[in-house]
Amino acid sequence: MTKQLLTITSLVADAPGSRWRREPFRILHDVSLAIEPGQTLGLVGESGSGKTTVGKVILGLFPAHSGQVTLHGMGANPSRVQRAAHIQAIFQDPYSSLNPSMTVGDSLIEPLRQARWSSSDARRRTQELLDRVAMPKDTFKRYPHEFSGGQRQRIAIARALALAPRLIICDEPVSALDLTTQSRVLDLLIELQRETGVAYLFISHDLAVIRRISHRVAVMRRGRIIEEGPADEVTDRPRQEYTRQLLSASPIPDPGLQAQRRAQRLAHISKTMTTTQS
């Protein structure tokens, strides 16, 4: 039996009340998932499904009402400091995760300095990481605004890898990129996983992207896991109608096939509305 790297068990999380909604609102309902070492678990769902909250709870950035997060070797509900030593994150907007007033080199060196690396070792490690994500030699001295979105995401990947984490939470890391750049960044993430053995929790609304990078897929809707299994099984033979809808909505680079799928989706919606009205 494979030993799990991280498990979340019966996770429940609430959003606090506000001026418009006094009572707390339940975001996660009894969510249980497991991530294996060196593997990718794809977590897919529409906006508001709760998938990003799962990532935040794992990172210790959002409190759970109940349930457990267990990191192998750390036990249940490790502290935020313990999690930071083994879990890193890549977010949708790399520009917001990089300090615009700092050079790329300084941004990448910062976590290494906090981990008490020497200046020379930190600089060497940073340059190795930039080389590994195929960034130009002068990247170290330049600022985030000087790069394209795809290049900034490569820098964010390098920063996430700096301390050799066991798990990286990838929260919509390619959704803001065009399809060609998406493909290149996904290829990079897959290659880095093969080389380093890092595991990913890959969060996305796009089931086609999830299929490309994931070993297993969990489908989330309204704070619940409604379907889970091997990536090819979930994407080729989905059991839930909601999963089939996500698959048909995923963008693809073939305009003709994309138009065909859009027409099929609109026909399905029209048929559903006609049945309801009758």
C-alpha atoms as a PDB file:
ATOM      1  CA  MET A   1       0.000   0.000   0.000  1.00  0.00           C
ATOM      2  CA  THR A   2       1.345   3.432  -0.991  1.00  0.00           C
ATOM      3  CA  LYS A   3       2.176   5.720   1.906  1.00  0.00           C
ATOM      4  CA  GLN A   4       0.366   9.049   1.582  1.00  0.00           C
ATOM      5  CA  LEU A   5       2.255  12.328   1.658  1.00  0.00           C
ATOM      6  CA  LEU A   6      -0.729  14.352   2.816  1.00  0.00           C
ATOM      7  CA  THR A   7      -4.292  13.502   3.750  1.00  0.00           C
ATOM      8  CA  ILE A   8      -7.228  15.699   4.624  1.00  0.00           C
ATOM      9  CA  THR A   9     -10.019  13.997   6.509  1.00  0.00           C
ATOM     10  CA  SER A  10     -13.621  15.157   6.976  1.00  0.00           C
ATOM     11  CA  LEU A  11     -12.643  18.774   6.434  1.00  0.00           C
ATOM     12  CA  VAL A  12     -15.301  21.375   7.214  1.00  0.00           C
ATOM     13  CA  ALA A  13     -14.713  25.119   6.822  1.00  0.00           C
ATOM     14  CA  ASP A  14     -16.940  28.160   7.259  1.00  0.00           C
ATOM     15  CA  ALA A  15     -16.749  31.701   5.959  1.00  0.00           C
ATOM     16  CA  PRO A  16     -17.339  34.223   8.739  1.00  0.00           C
ATOM     17  CA  GLY A  17     -20.473  36.335   8.863  1.00  0.00           C
ATOM     18  CA  SER A  18     -20.521  39.811   7.362  1.00  0.00           C
ATOM     19  CA  ARG A  19     -22.650  42.954   7.213  1.00  0.00           C
ATOM     20  CA  TRP A  20     -24.778  41.319   4.505  1.00  0.00           C
ATOM     21  CA  ARG A  21     -24.775  37.768   5.885  1.00  0.00           C
ATOM     22  CA  ARG A  22     -24.661  37.591   9.655  1.00  0.00           C
ATOM     23  CA  GLU A  23     -24.480  33.835   9.976  1.00  0.00           C
ATOM     24  CA  PRO A  24     -21.312  31.933   8.963  1.00  0.00           C
ATOM     25  CA  PHE A  25     -21.524  30.299   5.543  1.00  0.00           C
ATOM     26  CA  ARG A  26     -20.297  26.721   5.092  1.00  0.00           C
ATOM     27  CA  ILE A  27     -17.702  26.512   2.307  1.00  0.00           C
ATOM     28  CA  LEU A  28     -16.429  22.947   2.718  1.00  0.00           C
ATOM     29  CA  HIS A  29     -18.608  19.961   3.604  1.00  0.00           C
ATOM     30  CA  ASP A  30     -16.822  16.849   4.880  1.00  0.00           C
ATOM     31  CA  VAL A  31     -13.991  16.942   2.313  1.00  0.00           C
ATOM     32  CA  SER A  32     -11.515  14.039   2.356  1.00  0.00           C
ATOM     33  CA  LEU A  33      -8.587  13.718  -0.068  1.00  0.00           C
ATOM     34  CA  ALA A  34      -5.128  12.149  -0.226  1.00  0.00           C
ATOM     35  CA  ILE A  35      -1.983  13.092  -2.142  1.00  0.00           C
ATOM     36  CA  GLU A  36       0.773  10.570  -2.798  1.00  0.00           C
ATOM     37  CA  PRO A  37       4.501  11.416  -2.941  1.00  0.00           C
ATOM     38  CA  GLY A  38       5.601  12.520  -6.390  1.00  0.00           C
ATOM     39  CA  GLN A  39       2.038  12.497  -7.739  1.00  0.00           C
ATOM     40  CA  THR A  40      -0.433  15.163  -8.852  1.00  0.00           C
ATOM     41  CA  LEU A  41      -3.968  15.358  -7.544  1.00  0.00           C
ATOM     42  CA  GLY A  42      -6.096  17.586  -9.757  1.00  0.00           C
ATOM     43  CA  LEU A  43      -8.902  19.413  -7.968  1.00  0.00           C
ATOM     44  CA  VAL A  44     -11.428  20.795 -10.439  1.00  0.00           C
ATOM     45  CA  GLY A  45     -14.650  22.746 -10.094  1.00  0.00           C
ATOM     46  CA  GLU A  46     -16.377  25.978 -11.061  1.00  0.00           C
ATOM     47  CA  SER A  47     -15.740  29.293  -9.316  1.00  0.00           C
ATOM     48  CA  GLY A  48     -17.105  29.211  -5.775  1.00  0.00           C
ATOM     49  CA  SER A  49     -16.928  25.427  -5.495  1.00  0.00           C
ATOM     50  CA  GLY A  50     -14.512  25.623  -2.557  1.00  0.00           C
ATOM     51  CA  LYS A  51     -11.379  24.273  -4.273  1.00  0.00           C
ATOM     52  CA  THR A  52      -9.181  27.277  -3.456  1.00  0.00           C
ATOM     53  CA  THR A  53     -10.308  27.106   0.178  1.00  0.00           C
ATOM     54  CA  VAL A  54      -9.017  23.521   0.331  1.00  0.00           C
ATOM     55  CA  GLY A  55      -5.586  24.766  -0.758  1.00  0.00           C
ATOM     56  CA  LYS A  56      -5.653  27.599   1.785  1.00  0.00           C
ATOM     57  CA  VAL A  57      -6.554  25.218   4.625  1.00  0.00           C
ATOM     58  CA  ILE A  58      -3.658  22.924   3.661  1.00  0.00           C
ATOM     59  CA  LEU A  59      -1.298  25.919   3.662  1.00  0.00           C
ATOM     60  CA  GLY A  60      -2.610  27.072   7.038  1.00  0.00           C
ATOM     61  CA  LEU A  61      -3.987  30.300   5.553  1.00  0.00           C
ATOM     62  CA  PHE A  62      -7.646  29.536   6.325  1.00  0.00           C
ATOM     63  CA  PRO A  63      -9.025  27.957   9.507  1.00  0.00           C
ATOM     64  CA  ALA A  64     -10.915  24.676   9.409  1.00  0.00           C
ATOM     65  CA  HIS A  65     -14.050  24.337  11.516  1.00  0.00           C
ATOM     66  CA  SER A  66     -13.332  20.619  11.936  1.00  0.00           C
ATOM     67  CA  GLY A  67     -11.418  17.780  10.317  1.00  0.00           C
ATOM     68  CA  GLN A  68      -7.723  17.051   9.996  1.00  0.00           C
ATOM     69  CA  VAL A  69      -4.812  17.864   7.728  1.00  0.00           C
ATOM     70  CA  THR A  70      -2.102  15.236   8.149  1.00  0.00           C
ATOM     71  CA  LEU A  71       1.367  15.675   6.654  1.00  0.00           C
ATOM     72  CA  HIS A  72       3.395  12.462   6.744  1.00  0.00           C
ATOM     73  CA  GLY A  73       6.087  12.746   9.382  1.00  0.00           C
ATOM     74  CA  MET A  74       4.386  15.721  11.050  1.00  0.00           C
ATOM     75  CA  GLY A  75       1.149  14.175  12.311  1.00  0.00           C
ATOM     76  CA  ALA A  76      -2.278  15.778  12.270  1.00  0.00           C
ATOM     77  CA  ASN A  77      -2.781  19.536  11.891  1.00  0.00           C
ATOM     78  CA  PRO A  78       0.889  20.628  11.820  1.00  0.00           C
ATOM     79  CA  SER A  79       1.664  24.248  12.637  1.00  0.00           C
ATOM     80  CA  ARG A  80       1.834  26.862   9.888  1.00  0.00           C
ATOM     81  CA  VAL A  81       5.621  27.052  10.350  1.00  0.00           C
ATOM     82  CA  GLN A  82       5.933  23.284   9.925  1.00  0.00           C
ATOM     83  CA  ARG A  83       3.782  23.386   6.809  1.00  0.00           C
ATOM     84  CA  ALA A  84       5.835  26.217   5.307  1.00  0.00           C
ATOM     85  CA  ALA A  85       8.963  24.060   5.518  1.00  0.00           C
ATOM     86  CA  HIS A  86       7.406  21.361   3.327  1.00  0.00           C
ATOM     87  CA  ILE A  87       4.548  22.990   1.400  1.00  0.00           C
ATOM     88  CA  GLN A  88       4.791  25.911  -1.027  1.00  0.00           C
ATOM     89  CA  ALA A  89       2.341  27.547  -3.424  1.00  0.00           C
ATOM     90  CA  ILE A  90       2.058  28.897  -6.960  1.00  0.00           C
ATOM     91  CA  PHE A  91      -0.855  31.266  -7.567  1.00  0.00           C
ATOM     92  CA  GLN A  92      -2.832  32.443 -10.587  1.00  0.00           C
ATOM     93  CA  ASP A  93      -1.245  35.897 -10.726  1.00  0.00           C
ATOM     94  CA  PRO A  94       2.534  35.604 -10.362  1.00  0.00           C
ATOM     95  CA  TYR A  95       2.950  39.376 -10.421  1.00  0.00           C
ATOM     96  CA  SER A  96       1.012  39.786  -7.168  1.00  0.00           C
ATOM     97  CA  SER A  97       3.145  37.117  -5.474  1.00  0.00           C
ATOM     98  CA  LEU A  98       6.402  38.863  -6.411  1.00  0.00           C
ATOM     99  CA  ASN A  99       7.437  42.149  -4.799  1.00  0.00           C
ATOM    100  CA  PRO A 100       7.518  44.676  -7.681  1.00  0.00           C
ATOM    101  CA  SER A 101      10.132  46.772  -5.854  1.00  0.00           C
ATOM    102  CA  MET A 102      12.566  43.857  -5.538  1.00  0.00           C
ATOM    103  CA  THR A 103      14.676  42.294  -8.261  1.00  0.00           C
ATOM    104  CA  VAL A 104      13.821  38.735  -9.183  1.00  0.00           C
ATOM    105  CA  GLY A 105      17.066  37.570  -7.597  1.00  0.00           C
ATOM    106  CA  ASP A 106      16.238  39.208  -4.266  1.00  0.00           C
ATOM    107  CA  SER A 107      12.700  37.751  -4.305  1.00  0.00           C
ATOM    108  CA  LEU A 108      14.066  34.249  -4.835  1.00  0.00           C
ATOM    109  CA  ILE A 109      16.850  34.633  -2.279  1.00  0.00           C
ATOM    110  CA  GLU A 110      14.487  35.891   0.447  1.00  0.00           C
ATOM    111  CA  PRO A 111      13.107  32.468   1.548  1.00  0.00           C
ATOM    112  CA  LEU A 112      16.612  31.017   1.493  1.00  0.00           C
ATOM    113  CA  ARG A 113      17.889  33.781   3.764  1.00  0.00           C
ATOM    114  CA  GLN A 114      15.016  33.133   6.151  1.00  0.00           C
ATOM    115  CA  ALA A 115      16.133  29.504   6.171  1.00  0.00           C
ATOM    116  CA  ARG A 116      19.640  30.754   7.101  1.00  0.00           C
ATOM    117  CA  TRP A 117      21.411  29.918   3.875  1.00  0.00           C
ATOM    118  CA  SER A 118      24.677  31.764   3.343  1.00  0.00           C
ATOM    119  CA  SER A 119      24.612  34.578   0.760  1.00  0.00           C
ATOM    120  CA  SER A 120      26.858  32.693  -1.641  1.00  0.00           C
ATOM    121  CA  ASP A 121      24.885  29.435  -1.399  1.00  0.00           C
ATOM    122  CA  ALA A 122      21.571  31.287  -1.752  1.00  0.00           C
ATOM    123  CA  ARG A 123      22.762  33.119  -4.847  1.00  0.00           C
ATOM    124  CA  ARG A 124      24.059  29.894  -6.378  1.00  0.00           C
ATOM    125  CA  ARG A 125      20.792  28.095  -5.645  1.00  0.00           C
ATOM    126  CA  THR A 126      18.753  30.957  -7.111  1.00  0.00           C
ATOM    127  CA  GLN A 127      20.733  30.986 -10.346  1.00  0.00           C
ATOM    128  CA  GLU A 128      20.378  27.214 -10.645  1.00  0.00           C
ATOM    129  CA  LEU A 129      16.608  27.516 -10.263  1.00  0.00           C
ATOM    130  CA  LEU A 130      16.347  30.280 -12.876  1.00  0.00           C
ATOM    131  CA  ASP A 131      18.399  28.190 -15.279  1.00  0.00           C
ATOM    132  CA  ARG A 132      16.183  25.196 -14.563  1.00  0.00           C
ATOM    133  CA  VAL A 133      13.001  27.067 -15.499  1.00  0.00           C
ATOM    134  CA  ALA A 134      14.691  28.352 -18.686  1.00  0.00           C
ATOM    135  CA  MET A 135      14.912  32.032 -17.793  1.00  0.00           C
ATOM    136  CA  PRO A 136      17.534  34.358 -19.367  1.00  0.00           C
ATOM    137  CA  LYS A 137      20.870  34.807 -17.618  1.00  0.00           C
ATOM    138  CA  ASP A 138      20.148  38.448 -16.690  1.00  0.00           C
ATOM    139  CA  THR A 139      16.855  37.596 -14.941  1.00  0.00           C
ATOM    140  CA  PHE A 140      18.492  37.798 -11.529  1.00  0.00           C
ATOM    141  CA  LYS A 141      18.997  41.584 -11.774  1.00  0.00           C
ATOM    142  CA  ARG A 142      15.713  42.491 -13.441  1.00  0.00           C
ATOM    143  CA  TYR A 143      12.277  43.345 -12.009  1.00  0.00           C
ATOM    144  CA  PRO A 144       8.986  41.417 -12.362  1.00  0.00           C
ATOM    145  CA  HIS A 145       7.326  44.013 -14.628  1.00  0.00           C
ATOM    146  CA  GLU A 146      10.000  43.417 -17.268  1.00  0.00           C
ATOM    147  CA  PHE A 147       8.730  39.908 -18.029  1.00  0.00           C
ATOM    148  CA  SER A 148       5.723  38.376 -19.756  1.00  0.00           C
ATOM    149  CA  GLY A 149       3.022  36.525 -17.831  1.00  0.00           C
ATOM    150  CA  GLY A 150       4.486  33.156 -18.770  1.00  0.00           C
ATOM    151  CA  GLN A 151       7.975  34.210 -17.705  1.00  0.00           C
ATOM    152  CA  ARG A 152       6.687  35.552 -14.385  1.00  0.00           C
ATOM    153  CA  GLN A 153       4.980  32.233 -13.750  1.00  0.00           C
ATOM    154  CA  ARG A 154       8.295  30.453 -14.398  1.00  0.00           C
ATOM    155  CA  ILE A 155       9.900  32.748 -11.817  1.00  0.00           C
ATOM    156  CA  ALA A 156       7.114  31.921  -9.353  1.00  0.00           C
ATOM    157  CA  ILE A 157       7.756  28.211  -9.960  1.00  0.00           C
ATOM    158  CA  ALA A 158      11.455  28.713  -9.267  1.00  0.00           C
ATOM    159  CA  ARG A 159      10.624  30.510  -6.014  1.00  0.00           C
ATOM    160  CA  ALA A 160       8.274  27.721  -4.926  1.00  0.00           C
ATOM    161  CA  LEU A 161      11.047  25.175  -5.515  1.00  0.00           C
ATOM    162  CA  ALA A 162      13.725  27.127  -3.619  1.00  0.00           C
ATOM    163  CA  LEU A 163      13.456  25.168  -0.351  1.00  0.00           C
ATOM    164  CA  ALA A 164      12.840  21.802  -2.059  1.00  0.00           C
ATOM    165  CA  PRO A 165       9.258  21.343  -0.768  1.00  0.00           C
ATOM    166  CA  ARG A 166       7.515  17.975  -0.743  1.00  0.00           C
ATOM    167  CA  LEU A 167       4.225  19.460  -1.956  1.00  0.00           C
ATOM    168  CA  ILE A 168       3.303  22.504  -4.037  1.00  0.00           C
ATOM    169  CA  ILE A 169      -0.244  23.883  -4.083  1.00  0.00           C
ATOM    170  CA  CYS A 170      -0.819  25.104  -7.658  1.00  0.00           C
ATOM    171  CA  ASP A 171      -3.873  27.367  -7.566  1.00  0.00           C
ATOM    172  CA  GLU A 172      -5.000  28.136 -11.149  1.00  0.00           C
ATOM    173  CA  PRO A 173      -1.350  28.683 -12.202  1.00  0.00           C
ATOM    174  CA  VAL A 174      -2.027  28.717 -15.968  1.00  0.00           C
ATOM    175  CA  SER A 175      -5.572  30.090 -16.218  1.00  0.00           C
ATOM    176  CA  ALA A 176      -4.361  33.621 -17.081  1.00  0.00           C
ATOM    177  CA  LEU A 177      -2.074  32.374 -19.865  1.00  0.00           C
ATOM    178  CA  ASP A 178      -2.820  31.708 -23.539  1.00  0.00           C
ATOM    179  CA  LEU A 179      -3.086  28.069 -24.616  1.00  0.00           C
ATOM    180  CA  THR A 180       0.436  27.850 -26.064  1.00  0.00           C
ATOM    181  CA  THR A 181       2.044  29.310 -22.933  1.00  0.00           C
ATOM    182  CA  GLN A 182      -0.185  27.107 -20.764  1.00  0.00           C
ATOM    183  CA  SER A 183       1.159  24.040 -22.535  1.00  0.00           C
ATOM    184  CA  ARG A 184       4.772  25.074 -22.018  1.00  0.00           C
ATOM    185  CA  VAL A 185       4.290  25.814 -18.325  1.00  0.00           C
ATOM    186  CA  LEU A 186       2.479  22.496 -17.794  1.00  0.00           C
ATOM    187  CA  ASP A 187       5.318  20.661 -19.557  1.00  0.00           C
ATOM    188  CA  LEU A 188       7.776  22.403 -17.234  1.00  0.00           C
ATOM    189  CA  LEU A 189       5.827  21.412 -14.114  1.00  0.00           C
ATOM    190  CA  ILE A 190       5.650  17.791 -15.278  1.00  0.00           C
ATOM    191  CA  GLU A 191       9.380  17.708 -16.006  1.00  0.00           C
ATOM    192  CA  LEU A 192      10.255  19.256 -12.643  1.00  0.00           C
ATOM    193  CA  GLN A 193       8.100  16.683 -10.875  1.00  0.00           C
ATOM    194  CA  ARG A 194       9.942  13.850 -12.603  1.00  0.00           C
ATOM    195  CA  GLU A 195      13.291  15.350 -11.609  1.00  0.00           C
ATOM    196  CA  THR A 196      12.552  16.347  -8.020  1.00  0.00           C
ATOM    197  CA  GLY A 197       9.764  14.009  -6.898  1.00  0.00           C
ATOM    198  CA  VAL A 198       7.639  16.938  -5.692  1.00  0.00           C
ATOM    199  CA  ALA A 199       3.882  16.360  -5.401  1.00  0.00           C
ATOM    200  CA  TYR A 200       1.264  18.825  -6.644  1.00  0.00           C
ATOM    201  CA  LEU A 201      -2.257  19.695  -5.632  1.00  0.00           C
ATOM    202  CA  PHE A 202      -3.298  21.288  -8.932  1.00  0.00           C
ATOM    203  CA  ILE A 203      -6.419  23.448  -8.632  1.00  0.00           C
ATOM    204  CA  SER A 204      -8.259  24.525 -11.773  1.00  0.00           C
ATOM    205  CA  HIS A 205     -11.678  25.086 -13.316  1.00  0.00           C
ATOM    206  CA  ASP A 206     -10.405  23.582 -16.594  1.00  0.00           C
ATOM    207  CA  LEU A 207     -10.784  19.808 -16.757  1.00  0.00           C
ATOM    208  CA  ALA A 208      -8.632  19.568 -19.898  1.00  0.00           C
ATOM    209  CA  VAL A 209      -5.697  21.169 -18.043  1.00  0.00           C
ATOM    210  CA  ILE A 210      -6.333  18.931 -15.037  1.00  0.00           C
ATOM    211  CA  ARG A 211      -6.271  15.833 -17.238  1.00  0.00           C
ATOM    212  CA  ARG A 212      -2.985  16.894 -18.829  1.00  0.00           C
ATOM    213  CA  ILE A 213      -1.036  17.104 -15.584  1.00  0.00           C
ATOM    214  CA  SER A 214      -2.841  14.919 -13.028  1.00  0.00           C
ATOM    215  CA  HIS A 215      -2.501  11.308 -11.928  1.00  0.00           C
ATOM    216  CA  ARG A 216      -5.792  11.450 -10.023  1.00  0.00           C
ATOM    217  CA  VAL A 217      -8.688  13.876 -10.272  1.00  0.00           C
ATOM    218  CA  ALA A 218     -11.245  15.025  -7.704  1.00  0.00           C
ATOM    219  CA  VAL A 219     -14.292  16.983  -8.874  1.00  0.00           C
ATOM    220  CA  MET A 220     -15.701  19.543  -6.476  1.00  0.00           C
ATOM    221  CA  ARG A 221     -19.114  21.162  -6.438  1.00  0.00           C
ATOM    222  CA  ARG A 222     -20.672  23.383  -3.771  1.00  0.00           C
ATOM    223  CA  GLY A 223     -18.037  22.440  -1.215  1.00  0.00           C
ATOM    224  CA  ARG A 224     -18.270  18.677  -1.706  1.00  0.00           C
ATOM    225  CA  ILE A 225     -16.220  16.087  -3.580  1.00  0.00           C
ATOM    226  CA  ILE A 226     -18.708  14.519  -5.993  1.00  0.00           C
ATOM    227  CA  GLU A 227     -16.364  12.347  -8.059  1.00  0.00           C
ATOM    228  CA  GLU A 228     -12.791  11.080  -7.725  1.00  0.00           C
ATOM    229  CA  GLY A 229     -10.546   8.586  -9.466  1.00  0.00           C
ATOM    230  CA  PRO A 230      -7.655   8.106 -11.914  1.00  0.00           C
ATOM    231  CA  ALA A 231      -7.376  11.017 -14.349  1.00  0.00           C
ATOM    232  CA  ASP A 232      -8.188   9.033 -17.489  1.00  0.00           C
ATOM    233  CA  GLU A 233     -11.184   7.385 -15.830  1.00  0.00           C
ATOM    234  CA  VAL A 234     -12.735  10.626 -14.599  1.00  0.00           C
ATOM    235  CA  THR A 235     -12.150  12.484 -17.880  1.00  0.00           C
ATOM    236  CA  ASP A 236     -12.972   9.645 -20.295  1.00  0.00           C
ATOM    237  CA  ARG A 237     -15.814   8.002 -18.387  1.00  0.00           C
ATOM    238  CA  PRO A 238     -17.221  10.610 -15.980  1.00  0.00           C
ATOM    239  CA  ARG A 239     -19.984   9.327 -13.738  1.00  0.00           C
ATOM    240  CA  GLN A 240     -21.498  12.717 -12.918  1.00  0.00           C
ATOM    241  CA  GLU A 241     -23.327  15.016 -15.330  1.00  0.00           C
ATOM    242  CA  TYR A 242     -21.534  17.979 -13.713  1.00  0.00           C
ATOM    243  CA  THR A 243     -18.161  16.466 -14.660  1.00  0.00           C
ATOM    244  CA  ARG A 244     -19.334  16.016 -18.251  1.00  0.00           C
ATOM    245  CA  GLN A 245     -20.351  19.686 -18.330  1.00  0.00           C
ATOM    246  CA  LEU A 246     -16.909  20.755 -17.109  1.00  0.00           C
ATOM    247  CA  LEU A 247     -15.266  18.630 -19.783  1.00  0.00           C
ATOM    248  CA  SER A 248     -17.381  20.099 -22.589  1.00  0.00           C
ATOM    249  CA  ALA A 249     -16.611  23.643 -21.363  1.00  0.00           C
ATOM    250  CA  SER A 250     -12.820  23.200 -21.418  1.00  0.00           C
ATOM    251  CA  PRO A 251     -11.122  25.267 -24.164  1.00  0.00           C
ATOM    252  CA  ILE A 252      -9.131  23.386 -26.802  1.00  0.00           C
ATOM    253  CA  PRO A 253      -6.771  24.705 -29.512  1.00  0.00           C
ATOM    254  CA  ASP A 254      -8.844  23.287 -32.428  1.00  0.00           C
ATOM    255  CA  PRO A 255     -11.395  26.028 -33.368  1.00  0.00           C
ATOM    256  CA  GLY A 256     -13.585  23.614 -35.338  1.00  0.00           C
ATOM    257  CA  LEU A 257     -13.820  21.076 -32.536  1.00  0.00           C
ATOM    258  CA  GLN A 258     -14.314  23.843 -29.997  1.00  0.00           C
ATOM    259  CA  ALA A 259     -17.235  25.227 -32.038  1.00  0.00           C
ATOM    260  CA  GLN A 260     -18.735  21.747 -32.316  1.00  0.00           C
ATOM    261  CA  ARG A 261     -18.545  21.236 -28.557  1.00  0.00           C
ATOM    262  CA  ARG A 262     -20.062  24.672 -27.948  1.00  0.00           C
ATOM    263  CA  ALA A 263     -22.973  23.840 -30.244  1.00  0.00           C
ATOM    264  CA  GLN A 264     -23.519  20.528 -28.438  1.00  0.00           C
ATOM    265  CA  ARG A 265     -23.463  22.288 -25.066  1.00  0.00           C
ATOM    266  CA  LEU A 266     -25.994  24.920 -26.220  1.00  0.00           C
ATOM    267  CA  ALA A 267     -28.214  22.194 -27.649  1.00  0.00           C
ATOM    268  CA  HIS A 268     -28.116  20.372 -24.316  1.00  0.00           C
ATOM    269  CA  ILE A 269     -29.049  23.566 -22.446  1.00  0.00           C
ATOM    270  CA  SER A 270     -31.898  24.257 -24.876  1.00  0.00           C
ATOM    271  CA  LYS A 271     -33.214  20.717 -24.517  1.00  0.00           C
ATOM    272  CA  THR A 272     -33.080  20.966 -20.731  1.00  0.00           C
ATOM    273  CA  MET A 273     -34.978  24.279 -20.736  1.00  0.00           C
ATOM    274  CA  THR A 274     -37.634  22.879 -23.111  1.00  0.00           C
ATOM    275  CA  THR A 275     -38.130  19.825 -20.890  1.00  0.00           C
ATOM    276  CA  THR A 276     -38.427  22.005 -17.786  1.00  0.00           C
ATOM    277  CA  GLN A 277     -40.964  24.339 -19.396  1.00  0.00           C
ATOM    278  CA  SER A 278     -43.095  21.476 -20.619  1.00  0.00           C
END
